[in-house]
Amino acid sequence: GAYDILTRNREYIMKTQGVDIEVKYILDRDVTPLE
């Protein structure tokens, strides 16, 4: 849920908060959740 908000609202957060946030890594046991 946090990832979805950060990606979908990225432009909005940049405009209103002046911060451009990029998720660089996602730590998990395996890649399946990302896929």
PDB file of all heavy atoms in Angstrom:
ATOM      1  N   GLY A   1       0.813  -1.211   0.000  1.00  0.00           N
ATOM      2  CA  GLY A   1       0.000   0.000   0.000  1.00  0.00           C
ATOM      3  C   GLY A   1       0.843   1.255   0.000  1.00  0.00           C
ATOM      4  O   GLY A   1       0.544   2.224  -0.716  1.00  0.00           O
ATOM      5  N   ALA A   2       1.919   1.249   0.787  1.00  0.00           N
ATOM      6  CA  ALA A   2       2.818   2.407   0.818  1.00  0.00           C
ATOM      7  C   ALA A   2       3.499   2.603  -0.533  1.00  0.00           C
ATOM      8  O   ALA A   2       3.608   3.739  -1.025  1.00  0.00           O
ATOM      9  CB  ALA A   2       3.865   2.209   1.916  1.00  0.00           C
ATOM     10  N   TYR A   3       3.933   1.497  -1.147  1.00  0.00           N
ATOM     11  CA  TYR A   3       4.579   1.594  -2.472  1.00  0.00           C
ATOM     12  C   TYR A   3       3.607   2.185  -3.497  1.00  0.00           C
ATOM     13  O   TYR A   3       3.981   3.056  -4.290  1.00  0.00           O
ATOM     14  CB  TYR A   3       5.044   0.218  -2.933  1.00  0.00           C
ATOM     15  CG  TYR A   3       5.658   0.236  -4.320  1.00  0.00           C
ATOM     16  CD1 TYR A   3       7.004   0.554  -4.495  1.00  0.00           C
ATOM     17  CD2 TYR A   3       4.890  -0.033  -5.448  1.00  0.00           C
ATOM     18  CE1 TYR A   3       7.569   0.597  -5.770  1.00  0.00           C
ATOM     19  CE2 TYR A   3       5.435   0.010  -6.720  1.00  0.00           C
ATOM     20  CZ  TYR A   3       6.771   0.327  -6.881  1.00  0.00           C
ATOM     21  OH  TYR A   3       7.324   0.386  -8.136  1.00  0.00           O
ATOM     22  N   ASP A   4       2.370   1.716  -3.484  1.00  0.00           N
ATOM     23  CA  ASP A   4       1.381   2.207  -4.440  1.00  0.00           C
ATOM     24  C   ASP A   4       1.170   3.715  -4.304  1.00  0.00           C
ATOM     25  O   ASP A   4       1.103   4.446  -5.297  1.00  0.00           O
ATOM     26  CB  ASP A   4       0.048   1.494  -4.248  1.00  0.00           C
ATOM     27  CG  ASP A   4       0.096   0.034  -4.680  1.00  0.00           C
ATOM     28  OD1 ASP A   4       1.043  -0.336  -5.406  1.00  0.00           O
ATOM     29  OD2 ASP A   4      -0.802  -0.736  -4.277  1.00  0.00           O
ATOM     30  N   ILE A   5       1.056   4.194  -3.066  1.00  0.00           N
ATOM     31  CA  ILE A   5       0.838   5.623  -2.851  1.00  0.00           C
ATOM     32  C   ILE A   5       2.053   6.427  -3.308  1.00  0.00           C
ATOM     33  O   ILE A   5       1.928   7.471  -3.964  1.00  0.00           O
ATOM     34  CB  ILE A   5       0.527   5.901  -1.366  1.00  0.00           C
ATOM     35  CG1 ILE A   5      -0.800   5.251  -0.972  1.00  0.00           C
ATOM     36  CG2 ILE A   5       0.471   7.414  -1.085  1.00  0.00           C
ATOM     37  CD1 ILE A   5      -1.081   5.257   0.523  1.00  0.00           C
ATOM     38  N   LEU A   6       3.234   5.944  -2.969  1.00  0.00           N
ATOM     39  CA  LEU A   6       4.464   6.649  -3.342  1.00  0.00           C
ATOM     40  C   LEU A   6       4.632   6.747  -4.853  1.00  0.00           C
ATOM     41  O   LEU A   6       5.159   7.748  -5.363  1.00  0.00           O
ATOM     42  CB  LEU A   6       5.674   5.948  -2.728  1.00  0.00           C
ATOM     43  CG  LEU A   6       5.872   6.145  -1.230  1.00  0.00           C
ATOM     44  CD1 LEU A   6       6.863   5.133  -0.672  1.00  0.00           C
ATOM     45  CD2 LEU A   6       6.337   7.563  -0.924  1.00  0.00           C
ATOM     46  N   THR A   7       4.205   5.730  -5.578  1.00  0.00           N
ATOM     47  CA  THR A   7       4.363   5.752  -7.038  1.00  0.00           C
ATOM     48  C   THR A   7       3.212   6.492  -7.723  1.00  0.00           C
ATOM     49  O   THR A   7       3.440   7.333  -8.598  1.00  0.00           O
ATOM     50  CB  THR A   7       4.476   4.321  -7.586  1.00  0.00           C
ATOM     51  OG1 THR A   7       3.392   3.522  -7.085  1.00  0.00           O
ATOM     52  CG2 THR A   7       5.784   3.682  -7.163  1.00  0.00           C
ATOM     53  N   ARG A   8       1.978   6.214  -7.318  1.00  0.00           N
ATOM     54  CA  ARG A   8       0.824   6.853  -7.952  1.00  0.00           C
ATOM     55  C   ARG A   8       0.759   8.353  -7.664  1.00  0.00           C
ATOM     56  O   ARG A   8       0.348   9.143  -8.516  1.00  0.00           O
ATOM     57  CB  ARG A   8      -0.471   6.189  -7.483  1.00  0.00           C
ATOM     58  CG  ARG A   8      -0.652   4.764  -7.954  1.00  0.00           C
ATOM     59  CD  ARG A   8      -1.843   4.111  -7.276  1.00  0.00           C
ATOM     60  NE  ARG A   8      -1.940   2.691  -7.596  1.00  0.00           N
ATOM     61  CZ  ARG A   8      -2.757   1.843  -6.980  1.00  0.00           C
ATOM     62  NH1 ARG A   8      -3.540   2.283  -5.999  1.00  0.00           N
ATOM     63  NH2 ARG A   8      -2.775   0.570  -7.327  1.00  0.00           N
ATOM     64  N   ASN A   9       1.167   8.747  -6.464  1.00  0.00           N
ATOM     65  CA  ASN A   9       1.071  10.155  -6.063  1.00  0.00           C
ATOM     66  C   ASN A   9       2.420  10.861  -6.095  1.00  0.00           C
ATOM     67  O   ASN A   9       2.583  11.914  -5.470  1.00  0.00           O
ATOM     68  CB  ASN A   9       0.476  10.265  -4.654  1.00  0.00           C
ATOM     69  CG  ASN A   9      -1.015  10.025  -4.633  1.00  0.00           C
ATOM     70  OD1 ASN A   9      -1.610   9.664  -5.637  1.00  0.00           O
ATOM     71  ND2 ASN A   9      -1.630  10.222  -3.484  1.00  0.00           N
ATOM     72  N   ARG A  10       3.366  10.309  -6.820  1.00  0.00           N
ATOM     73  CA  ARG A  10       4.718  10.883  -6.832  1.00  0.00           C
ATOM     74  C   ARG A  10       4.720  12.338  -7.302  1.00  0.00           C
ATOM     75  O   ARG A  10       5.314  13.211  -6.646  1.00  0.00           O
ATOM     76  CB  ARG A  10       5.641  10.045  -7.712  1.00  0.00           C
ATOM     77  CG  ARG A  10       7.087  10.517  -7.687  1.00  0.00           C
ATOM     78  CD  ARG A  10       7.988   9.538  -8.409  1.00  0.00           C
ATOM     79  NE  ARG A  10       9.374   9.992  -8.418  1.00  0.00           N
ATOM     80  CZ  ARG A  10      10.385   9.278  -8.916  1.00  0.00           C
ATOM     81  NH1 ARG A  10      10.157   8.059  -9.433  1.00  0.00           N
ATOM     82  NH2 ARG A  10      11.624   9.757  -8.900  1.00  0.00           N
ATOM     83  N   GLU A  11       4.041  12.612  -8.408  1.00  0.00           N
ATOM     84  CA  GLU A  11       3.991  13.980  -8.929  1.00  0.00           C
ATOM     85  C   GLU A  11       3.276  14.910  -7.953  1.00  0.00           C
ATOM     86  O   GLU A  11       3.695  16.049  -7.739  1.00  0.00           O
ATOM     87  CB  GLU A  11       3.300  13.994 -10.296  1.00  0.00           C
ATOM     88  CG  GLU A  11       4.042  13.254 -11.389  1.00  0.00           C
ATOM     89  CD  GLU A  11       5.370  13.916 -11.745  1.00  0.00           C
ATOM     90  OE1 GLU A  11       5.444  15.157 -11.653  1.00  0.00           O
ATOM     91  OE2 GLU A  11       6.318  13.195 -12.101  1.00  0.00           O
ATOM     92  N   TYR A  12       2.202  14.425  -7.366  1.00  0.00           N
ATOM     93  CA  TYR A  12       1.435  15.234  -6.409  1.00  0.00           C
ATOM     94  C   TYR A  12       2.286  15.569  -5.184  1.00  0.00           C
ATOM     95  O   TYR A  12       2.277  16.713  -4.692  1.00  0.00           O
ATOM     96  CB  TYR A  12       0.179  14.470  -5.992  1.00  0.00           C
ATOM     97  CG  TYR A  12      -0.644  15.161  -4.935  1.00  0.00           C
ATOM     98  CD1 TYR A  12      -1.466  16.235  -5.263  1.00  0.00           C
ATOM     99  CD2 TYR A  12      -0.597  14.742  -3.605  1.00  0.00           C
ATOM    100  CE1 TYR A  12      -2.218  16.884  -4.295  1.00  0.00           C
ATOM    101  CE2 TYR A  12      -1.339  15.379  -2.623  1.00  0.00           C
ATOM    102  CZ  TYR A  12      -2.156  16.448  -2.981  1.00  0.00           C
ATOM    103  OH  TYR A  12      -2.890  17.091  -2.015  1.00  0.00           O
ATOM    104  N   ILE A  13       3.026  14.593  -4.682  1.00  0.00           N
ATOM    105  CA  ILE A  13       3.893  14.820  -3.513  1.00  0.00           C
ATOM    106  C   ILE A  13       4.999  15.814  -3.862  1.00  0.00           C
ATOM    107  O   ILE A  13       5.348  16.697  -3.062  1.00  0.00           O
ATOM    108  CB  ILE A  13       4.476  13.483  -3.012  1.00  0.00           C
ATOM    109  CG1 ILE A  13       3.359  12.609  -2.425  1.00  0.00           C
ATOM    110  CG2 ILE A  13       5.558  13.719  -1.957  1.00  0.00           C
ATOM    111  CD1 ILE A  13       3.775  11.183  -2.132  1.00  0.00           C
ATOM    112  N   MET A  14       5.536  15.703  -5.071  1.00  0.00           N
ATOM    113  CA  MET A  14       6.553  16.657  -5.516  1.00  0.00           C
ATOM    114  C   MET A  14       5.990  18.078  -5.529  1.00  0.00           C
ATOM    115  O   MET A  14       6.633  19.029  -5.041  1.00  0.00           O
ATOM    116  CB  MET A  14       7.059  16.289  -6.917  1.00  0.00           C
ATOM    117  CG  MET A  14       7.945  15.058  -6.984  1.00  0.00           C
ATOM    118  SD  MET A  14       8.319  14.580  -8.703  1.00  0.00           S
ATOM    119  CE  MET A  14       9.125  16.066  -9.320  1.00  0.00           C
ATOM    120  N   LYS A  15       4.783  18.211  -6.048  1.00  0.00           N
ATOM    121  CA  LYS A  15       4.163  19.532  -6.192  1.00  0.00           C
ATOM    122  C   LYS A  15       3.798  20.138  -4.847  1.00  0.00           C
ATOM    123  O   LYS A  15       4.018  21.334  -4.604  1.00  0.00           O
ATOM    124  CB  LYS A  15       2.915  19.406  -7.063  1.00  0.00           C
ATOM    125  CG  LYS A  15       2.185  20.723  -7.295  1.00  0.00           C
ATOM    126  CD  LYS A  15       0.972  20.517  -8.184  1.00  0.00           C
ATOM    127  CE  LYS A  15       0.227  21.834  -8.393  1.00  0.00           C
ATOM    128  NZ  LYS A  15      -0.983  21.646  -9.257  1.00  0.00           N
ATOM    129  N   THR A  16       3.228  19.338  -3.948  1.00  0.00           N
ATOM    130  CA  THR A  16       2.721  19.882  -2.687  1.00  0.00           C
ATOM    131  C   THR A  16       3.739  19.882  -1.559  1.00  0.00           C
ATOM    132  O   THR A  16       3.676  20.717  -0.656  1.00  0.00           O
ATOM    133  CB  THR A  16       1.479  19.104  -2.223  1.00  0.00           C
ATOM    134  OG1 THR A  16       1.824  17.732  -2.014  1.00  0.00           O
ATOM    135  CG2 THR A  16       0.360  19.198  -3.255  1.00  0.00           C
ATOM    136  N   GLN A  17       4.688  18.929  -1.587  1.00  0.00           N
ATOM    137  CA  GLN A  17       5.635  18.794  -0.492  1.00  0.00           C
ATOM    138  C   GLN A  17       7.077  19.132  -0.862  1.00  0.00           C
ATOM    139  O   GLN A  17       7.941  19.223   0.009  1.00  0.00           O
ATOM    140  CB  GLN A  17       5.590  17.350   0.061  1.00  0.00           C
ATOM    141  CG  GLN A  17       4.222  16.912   0.536  1.00  0.00           C
ATOM    142  CD  GLN A  17       3.680  17.793   1.644  1.00  0.00           C
ATOM    143  OE1 GLN A  17       4.406  18.145   2.578  1.00  0.00           O
ATOM    144  NE2 GLN A  17       2.410  18.171   1.551  1.00  0.00           N
ATOM    145  N   GLY A  18       7.310  19.292  -2.167  1.00  0.00           N
ATOM    146  CA  GLY A  18       8.659  19.647  -2.595  1.00  0.00           C
ATOM    147  C   GLY A  18       9.671  18.542  -2.405  1.00  0.00           C
ATOM    148  O   GLY A  18      10.866  18.794  -2.229  1.00  0.00           O
ATOM    149  N   VAL A  19       9.203  17.293  -2.455  1.00  0.00           N
ATOM    150  CA  VAL A  19      10.081  16.138  -2.257  1.00  0.00           C
ATOM    151  C   VAL A  19       9.826  15.122  -3.375  1.00  0.00           C
ATOM    152  O   VAL A  19       8.674  14.721  -3.600  1.00  0.00           O
ATOM    153  CB  VAL A  19       9.828  15.464  -0.889  1.00  0.00           C
ATOM    154  CG1 VAL A  19      10.799  14.303  -0.697  1.00  0.00           C
ATOM    155  CG2 VAL A  19       9.981  16.462   0.250  1.00  0.00           C
ATOM    156  N   ASP A  20      10.879  14.716  -4.057  1.00  0.00           N
ATOM    157  CA  ASP A  20      10.765  13.689  -5.103  1.00  0.00           C
ATOM    158  C   ASP A  20      11.283  12.374  -4.515  1.00  0.00           C
ATOM    159  O   ASP A  20      12.485  12.199  -4.318  1.00  0.00           O
ATOM    160  CB  ASP A  20      11.585  14.093  -6.330  1.00  0.00           C
ATOM    161  CG  ASP A  20      11.447  13.080  -7.464  1.00  0.00           C
ATOM    162  OD1 ASP A  20      10.527  12.231  -7.394  1.00  0.00           O
ATOM    163  OD2 ASP A  20      12.249  13.145  -8.412  1.00  0.00           O
ATOM    164  N   ILE A  21      10.358  11.459  -4.253  1.00  0.00           N
ATOM    165  CA  ILE A  21      10.706  10.217  -3.553  1.00  0.00           C
ATOM    166  C   ILE A  21      10.775   9.056  -4.536  1.00  0.00           C
ATOM    167  O   ILE A  21       9.827   8.786  -5.269  1.00  0.00           O
ATOM    168  CB  ILE A  21       9.672   9.905  -2.452  1.00  0.00           C
ATOM    169  CG1 ILE A  21       9.549  11.086  -1.486  1.00  0.00           C
ATOM    170  CG2 ILE A  21      10.073   8.640  -1.683  1.00  0.00           C
ATOM    171  CD1 ILE A  21       8.414  10.944  -0.490  1.00  0.00           C
ATOM    172  N   GLU A  22      11.887   8.343  -4.491  1.00  0.00           N
ATOM    173  CA  GLU A  22      12.089   7.171  -5.352  1.00  0.00           C
ATOM    174  C   GLU A  22      12.383   5.953  -4.484  1.00  0.00           C
ATOM    175  O   GLU A  22      13.259   5.987  -3.623  1.00  0.00           O
ATOM    176  CB  GLU A  22      13.254   7.399  -6.312  1.00  0.00           C
ATOM    177  CG  GLU A  22      13.550   6.185  -7.191  1.00  0.00           C
ATOM    178  CD  GLU A  22      14.781   6.384  -8.056  1.00  0.00           C
ATOM    179  OE1 GLU A  22      15.078   7.543  -8.425  1.00  0.00           O
ATOM    180  OE2 GLU A  22      15.466   5.374  -8.347  1.00  0.00           O
ATOM    181  N   VAL A  23      11.637   4.873  -4.716  1.00  0.00           N
ATOM    182  CA  VAL A  23      11.914   3.609  -4.028  1.00  0.00           C
ATOM    183  C   VAL A  23      13.045   2.923  -4.778  1.00  0.00           C
ATOM    184  O   VAL A  23      12.890   2.523  -5.933  1.00  0.00           O
ATOM    185  CB  VAL A  23      10.668   2.705  -3.986  1.00  0.00           C
ATOM    186  CG1 VAL A  23      11.003   1.372  -3.309  1.00  0.00           C
ATOM    187  CG2 VAL A  23       9.522   3.392  -3.257  1.00  0.00           C
ATOM    188  N   LYS A  24      14.192   2.791  -4.102  1.00  0.00           N
ATOM    189  CA  LYS A  24      15.364   2.195  -4.760  1.00  0.00           C
ATOM    190  C   LYS A  24      15.394   0.686  -4.588  1.00  0.00           C
ATOM    191  O   LYS A  24      15.773  -0.035  -5.532  1.00  0.00           O
ATOM    192  CB  LYS A  24      16.648   2.801  -4.188  1.00  0.00           C
ATOM    193  CG  LYS A  24      17.913   2.290  -4.885  1.00  0.00           C
ATOM    194  CD  LYS A  24      19.167   3.006  -4.415  1.00  0.00           C
ATOM    195  CE  LYS A  24      20.393   2.501  -5.164  1.00  0.00           C
ATOM    196  NZ  LYS A  24      21.632   3.206  -4.733  1.00  0.00           N
ATOM    197  N   TYR A  25      15.027   0.187  -3.390  1.00  0.00           N
ATOM    198  CA  TYR A  25      15.061  -1.249  -3.133  1.00  0.00           C
ATOM    199  C   TYR A  25      13.828  -1.685  -2.351  1.00  0.00           C
ATOM    200  O   TYR A  25      13.268  -0.922  -1.562  1.00  0.00           O
ATOM    201  CB  TYR A  25      16.304  -1.639  -2.311  1.00  0.00           C
ATOM    202  CG  TYR A  25      17.619  -1.526  -3.040  1.00  0.00           C
ATOM    203  CD1 TYR A  25      18.608  -0.677  -2.566  1.00  0.00           C
ATOM    204  CD2 TYR A  25      17.868  -2.280  -4.180  1.00  0.00           C
ATOM    205  CE1 TYR A  25      19.833  -0.571  -3.214  1.00  0.00           C
ATOM    206  CE2 TYR A  25      19.089  -2.178  -4.838  1.00  0.00           C
ATOM    207  CZ  TYR A  25      20.055  -1.321  -4.356  1.00  0.00           C
ATOM    208  OH  TYR A  25      21.253  -1.218  -5.006  1.00  0.00           O
ATOM    209  N   ILE A  26      13.454  -2.933  -2.579  1.00  0.00           N
ATOM    210  CA  ILE A  26      12.423  -3.592  -1.775  1.00  0.00           C
ATOM    211  C   ILE A  26      13.013  -4.895  -1.260  1.00  0.00           C
ATOM    212  O   ILE A  26      13.377  -5.780  -2.047  1.00  0.00           O
ATOM    213  CB  ILE A  26      11.142  -3.863  -2.578  1.00  0.00           C
ATOM    214  CG1 ILE A  26      10.507  -2.546  -3.026  1.00  0.00           C
ATOM    215  CG2 ILE A  26      10.148  -4.677  -1.740  1.00  0.00           C
ATOM    216  CD1 ILE A  26       9.303  -2.713  -3.930  1.00  0.00           C
ATOM    217  N   LEU A  27      13.143  -4.991   0.060  1.00  0.00           N
ATOM    218  CA  LEU A  27      13.718  -6.184   0.679  1.00  0.00           C
ATOM    219  C   LEU A  27      12.623  -7.212   0.941  1.00  0.00           C
ATOM    220  O   LEU A  27      11.597  -6.895   1.544  1.00  0.00           O
ATOM    221  CB  LEU A  27      14.392  -5.813   2.000  1.00  0.00           C
ATOM    222  CG  LEU A  27      15.089  -6.943   2.753  1.00  0.00           C
ATOM    223  CD1 LEU A  27      16.454  -7.226   2.137  1.00  0.00           C
ATOM    224  CD2 LEU A  27      15.244  -6.600   4.232  1.00  0.00           C
ATOM    225  N   ASP A  28      12.835  -8.442   0.493  1.00  0.00           N
ATOM    226  CA  ASP A  28      11.888  -9.522   0.765  1.00  0.00           C
ATOM    227  C   ASP A  28      12.616 -10.853   0.621  1.00  0.00           C
ATOM    228  O   ASP A  28      13.783 -10.889   0.222  1.00  0.00           O
ATOM    229  CB  ASP A  28      10.678  -9.451  -0.181  1.00  0.00           C
ATOM    230  CG  ASP A  28       9.378  -9.808   0.532  1.00  0.00           C
ATOM    231  OD1 ASP A  28       9.338 -10.891   1.155  1.00  0.00           O
ATOM    232  OD2 ASP A  28       8.418  -9.015   0.490  1.00  0.00           O
ATOM    233  N   ARG A  29      11.912 -11.938   0.983  1.00  0.00           N
ATOM    234  CA  ARG A  29      12.547 -13.258   0.927  1.00  0.00           C
ATOM    235  C   ARG A  29      12.873 -13.664  -0.501  1.00  0.00           C
ATOM    236  O   ARG A  29      13.903 -14.277  -0.775  1.00  0.00           O
ATOM    237  CB  ARG A  29      11.637 -14.307   1.568  1.00  0.00           C
ATOM    238  CG  ARG A  29      11.470 -14.161   3.077  1.00  0.00           C
ATOM    239  CD  ARG A  29      10.701 -15.335   3.641  1.00  0.00           C
ATOM    240  NE  ARG A  29      10.504 -15.225   5.076  1.00  0.00           N
ATOM    241  CZ  ARG A  29       9.471 -14.648   5.644  1.00  0.00           C
ATOM    242  NH1 ARG A  29       8.509 -14.104   4.876  1.00  0.00           N
ATOM    243  NH2 ARG A  29       9.359 -14.575   6.953  1.00  0.00           N
ATOM    244  N   ASP A  30      11.940 -13.390  -1.425  1.00  0.00           N
ATOM    245  CA  ASP A  30      12.175 -13.684  -2.837  1.00  0.00           C
ATOM    246  C   ASP A  30      11.454 -12.644  -3.677  1.00  0.00           C
ATOM    247  O   ASP A  30      10.760 -11.768  -3.156  1.00  0.00           O
ATOM    248  CB  ASP A  30      11.729 -15.107  -3.197  1.00  0.00           C
ATOM    249  CG  ASP A  30      10.256 -15.349  -2.921  1.00  0.00           C
ATOM    250  OD1 ASP A  30       9.412 -14.645  -3.513  1.00  0.00           O
ATOM    251  OD2 ASP A  30       9.938 -16.241  -2.098  1.00  0.00           O
ATOM    252  N   VAL A  31      11.602 -12.747  -4.967  1.00  0.00           N
ATOM    253  CA  VAL A  31      11.100 -11.722  -5.881  1.00  0.00           C
ATOM    254  C   VAL A  31       9.602 -11.857  -6.169  1.00  0.00           C
ATOM    255  O   VAL A  31       8.989 -10.969  -6.756  1.00  0.00           O
ATOM    256  CB  VAL A  31      11.918 -11.771  -7.202  1.00  0.00           C
ATOM    257  CG1 VAL A  31      11.490 -12.976  -8.054  1.00  0.00           C
ATOM    258  CG2 VAL A  31      11.786 -10.470  -7.975  1.00  0.00           C
ATOM    259  N   THR A  32       8.992 -12.953  -5.734  1.00  0.00           N
ATOM    260  CA  THR A  32       7.581 -13.230  -6.069  1.00  0.00           C
ATOM    261  C   THR A  32       6.621 -12.097  -5.717  1.00  0.00           C
ATOM    262  O   THR A  32       5.767 -11.731  -6.551  1.00  0.00           O
ATOM    263  CB  THR A  32       7.122 -14.538  -5.393  1.00  0.00           C
ATOM    264  OG1 THR A  32       8.002 -15.595  -5.752  1.00  0.00           O
ATOM    265  CG2 THR A  32       5.703 -14.896  -5.814  1.00  0.00           C
ATOM    266  N   PRO A  33       6.679 -11.506  -4.511  1.00  0.00           N
ATOM    267  CA  PRO A  33       5.745 -10.424  -4.186  1.00  0.00           C
ATOM    268  C   PRO A  33       5.834  -9.250  -5.177  1.00  0.00           C
ATOM    269  O   PRO A  33       4.813  -8.614  -5.478  1.00  0.00           O
ATOM    270  CB  PRO A  33       6.166  -9.998  -2.777  1.00  0.00           C
ATOM    271  CG  PRO A  33       6.810 -11.207  -2.193  1.00  0.00           C
ATOM    272  CD  PRO A  33       7.523 -11.846  -3.339  1.00  0.00           C
ATOM    273  N   LEU A  34       7.034  -8.955  -5.651  1.00  0.00           N
ATOM    274  CA  LEU A  34       7.188  -7.868  -6.626  1.00  0.00           C
ATOM    275  C   LEU A  34       6.557  -8.252  -7.956  1.00  0.00           C
ATOM    276  O   LEU A  34       5.852  -7.444  -8.584  1.00  0.00           O
ATOM    277  CB  LEU A  34       8.671  -7.544  -6.841  1.00  0.00           C
ATOM    278  CG  LEU A  34       9.372  -6.714  -5.759  1.00  0.00           C
ATOM    279  CD1 LEU A  34       9.683  -7.558  -4.532  1.00  0.00           C
ATOM    280  CD2 LEU A  34      10.649  -6.083  -6.297  1.00  0.00           C
ATOM    281  N   GLU A  35       6.783  -9.491  -8.385  1.00  0.00           N
ATOM    282  CA  GLU A  35       6.228  -9.950  -9.657  1.00  0.00           C
ATOM    283  C   GLU A  35       4.703  -9.933  -9.627  1.00  0.00           C
ATOM    284  O   GLU A  35       4.053  -9.541 -10.608  1.00  0.00           O
ATOM    285  CB  GLU A  35       6.732 -11.359  -9.957  1.00  0.00           C
ATOM    286  CG  GLU A  35       8.226 -11.417 -10.242  1.00  0.00           C
ATOM    287  CD  GLU A  35       8.743 -12.836 -10.395  1.00  0.00           C
ATOM    288  OE1 GLU A  35       8.104 -13.774  -9.865  1.00  0.00           O
ATOM    289  OE2 GLU A  35       9.787 -13.009 -11.053  1.00  0.00           O
TER     290      GLU A  35
END
